[in-house]
C-alpha atoms as a PDB file:
ATOM      1  CA  MET A   1     -41.367  -1.516  -9.143  1.00  0.00           C
ATOM      2  CA  LYS A   2     -43.188  -4.379  -7.553  1.00  0.00           C
ATOM      3  CA  ASN A   3     -40.145  -4.902  -4.872  1.00  0.00           C
ATOM      4  CA  SER A   4     -38.927  -1.356  -4.793  1.00  0.00           C
ATOM      5  CA  PHE A   5     -41.474  -0.988  -1.463  1.00  0.00           C
ATOM      6  CA  LYS A   6     -40.703  -3.761   0.568  1.00  0.00           C
ATOM      7  CA  ASN A   7     -37.676  -2.138   2.478  1.00  0.00           C
ATOM      8  CA  LEU A   8     -39.420   1.095   2.954  1.00  0.00           C
ATOM      9  CA  SER A   9     -40.408   1.833   6.589  1.00  0.00           C
ATOM     10  CA  PHE A  10     -43.909   2.360   8.084  1.00  0.00           C
ATOM     11  CA  GLN A  11     -43.557   6.314   7.836  1.00  0.00           C
ATOM     12  CA  GLU A  12     -41.628   6.046   3.903  1.00  0.00           C
ATOM     13  CA  LEU A  13     -45.186   3.992   3.250  1.00  0.00           C
ATOM     14  CA  LYS A  14     -47.369   6.262   4.338  1.00  0.00           C
ATOM     15  CA  ALA A  15     -45.600   8.721   2.852  1.00  0.00           C
ATOM     16  CA  LYS A  16     -45.404   7.034  -0.464  1.00  0.00           C
ATOM     17  CA  ARG A  17     -48.846   5.998  -0.715  1.00  0.00           C
ATOM     18  CA  ASP A  18     -50.104   9.751   0.252  1.00  0.00           C
ATOM     19  CA  GLU A  19     -48.140  11.068  -2.753  1.00  0.00           C
ATOM     20  CA  LEU A  20     -49.207   8.354  -5.066  1.00  0.00           C
ATOM     21  CA  SER A  21     -53.054   8.618  -3.878  1.00  0.00           C
ATOM     22  CA  ARG A  22     -52.014  12.511  -4.827  1.00  0.00           C
ATOM     23  CA  LYS A  23     -50.868  11.852  -8.721  1.00  0.00           C
ATOM     24  CA  TYR A  24     -53.334   9.385  -9.127  1.00  0.00           C
ATOM     25  CA  MET A  25     -56.068  12.572  -8.235  1.00  0.00           C
ATOM     26  CA  ASP A  26     -54.278  14.695 -10.614  1.00  0.00           C
ATOM     27  CA  PHE A  27     -54.196  11.770 -13.605  1.00  0.00           C
ATOM     28  CA  ARG A  28     -57.498  11.527 -12.979  1.00  0.00           C
ATOM     29  CA  PHE A  29     -58.202  15.080 -13.579  1.00  0.00           C
ATOM     30  CA  GLN A  30     -55.911  15.038 -16.331  1.00  0.00           C
ATOM     31  CA  LEU A  31     -58.051  12.038 -18.248  1.00  0.00           C
ATOM     32  CA  VAL A  32     -61.347  13.710 -17.602  1.00  0.00           C
ATOM     33  CA  ILE A  33     -59.903  16.865 -19.172  1.00  0.00           C
ATOM     34  CA  GLY A  34     -58.500  14.453 -21.837  1.00  0.00           C
ATOM     35  CA  HIS A  35     -54.405  15.267 -22.066  1.00  0.00           C
ATOM     36  CA  VAL A  36     -53.416  11.953 -20.574  1.00  0.00           C
ATOM     37  CA  GLU A  37     -51.009   9.876 -23.141  1.00  0.00           C
ATOM     38  CA  ASN A  38     -50.862   6.676 -21.551  1.00  0.00           C
ATOM     39  CA  PRO A  39     -54.622   6.055 -19.660  1.00  0.00           C
ATOM     40  CA  LEU A  40     -53.366   2.470 -18.898  1.00  0.00           C
ATOM     41  CA  GLN A  41     -51.100   4.644 -16.483  1.00  0.00           C
ATOM     42  CA  LYS A  42     -53.998   4.586 -13.672  1.00  0.00           C
ATOM     43  CA  ARG A  43     -54.331   0.864 -13.136  1.00  0.00           C
ATOM     44  CA  GLU A  44     -50.402   1.130 -12.212  1.00  0.00           C
ATOM     45  CA  TYR A  45     -51.626   3.707 -10.233  1.00  0.00           C
ATOM     46  CA  ARG A  46     -54.105   1.728  -8.584  1.00  0.00           C
ATOM     47  CA  ARG A  47     -52.474  -1.377  -8.573  1.00  0.00           C
ATOM     48  CA  GLN A  48     -49.231   0.553  -6.321  1.00  0.00           C
ATOM     49  CA  ILE A  49     -51.444   1.953  -4.073  1.00  0.00           C
ATOM     50  CA  ALA A  50     -53.124  -1.165  -2.932  1.00  0.00           C
ATOM     51  CA  ARG A  51     -49.825  -2.845  -2.938  1.00  0.00           C
ATOM     52  CA  LEU A  52     -48.487  -0.134  -0.548  1.00  0.00           C
ATOM     53  CA  ASN A  53     -51.649  -0.025   1.827  1.00  0.00           C
ATOM     54  CA  THR A  54     -51.319  -4.072   1.784  1.00  0.00           C
ATOM     55  CA  LEU A  55     -47.448  -3.337   3.080  1.00  0.00           C
ATOM     56  CA  ILE A  56     -48.877  -0.702   5.630  1.00  0.00           C
ATOM     57  CA  ARG A  57     -51.565  -3.371   6.862  1.00  0.00           C
ATOM     58  CA  GLN A  58     -48.955  -6.035   7.476  1.00  0.00           C
ATOM     59  CA  HIS A  59     -46.638  -3.834   9.250  1.00  0.00           C
ATOM     60  CA  GLU A  60     -49.470  -2.674  11.727  1.00  0.00           C
ATOM     61  CA  ARG A  61     -50.502  -5.787  12.759  1.00  0.00           C
ATOM     62  CA  GLN A  62     -46.620  -6.907  13.290  1.00  0.00           C
ATOM     63  CA  LEU A  63     -47.190  -3.661  15.573  1.00  0.00           C
ATOM     64  CA  ALA A  64     -50.106  -5.537  17.272  1.00  0.00           C
ATOM     65  CA  VAL A  65     -48.857  -8.671  17.788  1.00  0.00           C
ATOM     66  CA  GLN A  66     -46.203  -7.565  19.040  1.00  0.00           C
ATOM     67  CA  ALA A  67     -48.151  -5.259  21.656  1.00  0.00           C
ATOM     68  CA  LEU A  68     -49.884  -8.492  22.398  1.00  0.00           C
ATOM     69  CA  LYS A  69     -47.200 -10.033  23.502  1.00  0.00           C
ATOM     70  CA  GLU A  70     -45.209  -7.253  25.259  1.00  0.00           C
ATOM     71  CA  SER A  71     -48.579  -7.097  27.248  1.00  0.00           C
ATOM     72  CA  ALA A  72     -48.503 -10.956  28.055  1.00  0.00           C
ATOM     73  CA  GLN A  73     -44.506 -10.950  29.169  1.00  0.00           C
ATOM     74  CA  GLN A  74     -45.756  -8.219  31.663  1.00  0.00           C
ATOM     75  CA  ALA A  75     -48.696  -9.596  32.804  1.00  0.00           C
ATOM     76  CA  SER A  76     -47.138 -13.037  33.479  1.00  0.00           C
ATOM     77  CA  ASP A  77     -44.022 -11.162  35.125  1.00  0.00           C
ATOM     78  CA  THR A  78     -46.156  -9.210  37.402  1.00  0.00           C
ATOM     79  CA  LYS A  79     -48.020 -12.528  38.127  1.00  0.00           C
ATOM     80  CA  ALA A  80     -44.739 -14.093  38.887  1.00  0.00           C
ATOM     81  CA  GLN A  81     -43.629 -11.542  41.292  1.00  0.00           C
ATOM     82  CA  LYS A  82     -46.818 -11.881  43.520  1.00  0.00           C
ATOM     83  CA  ALA A  83     -46.123 -15.798  43.825  1.00  0.00           C
END
């Protein structure tokens, strides 16, 4: 399960995170009620959500770096045209 998230797109990662967050919330309610067979599943949900958050953040940072590079390239192109 650890490596299954790496090949997902940015939108798929966000959708998966939302889905797991809902499952985690439902699981917490079931845990309080006492209808849970495996209480360690709570830990697994938290870790999966954390992995997804990490991958989403990495994608966001990559997009930010690309945007900075593009704006720097456009600025240097504009300066070259004026000179």
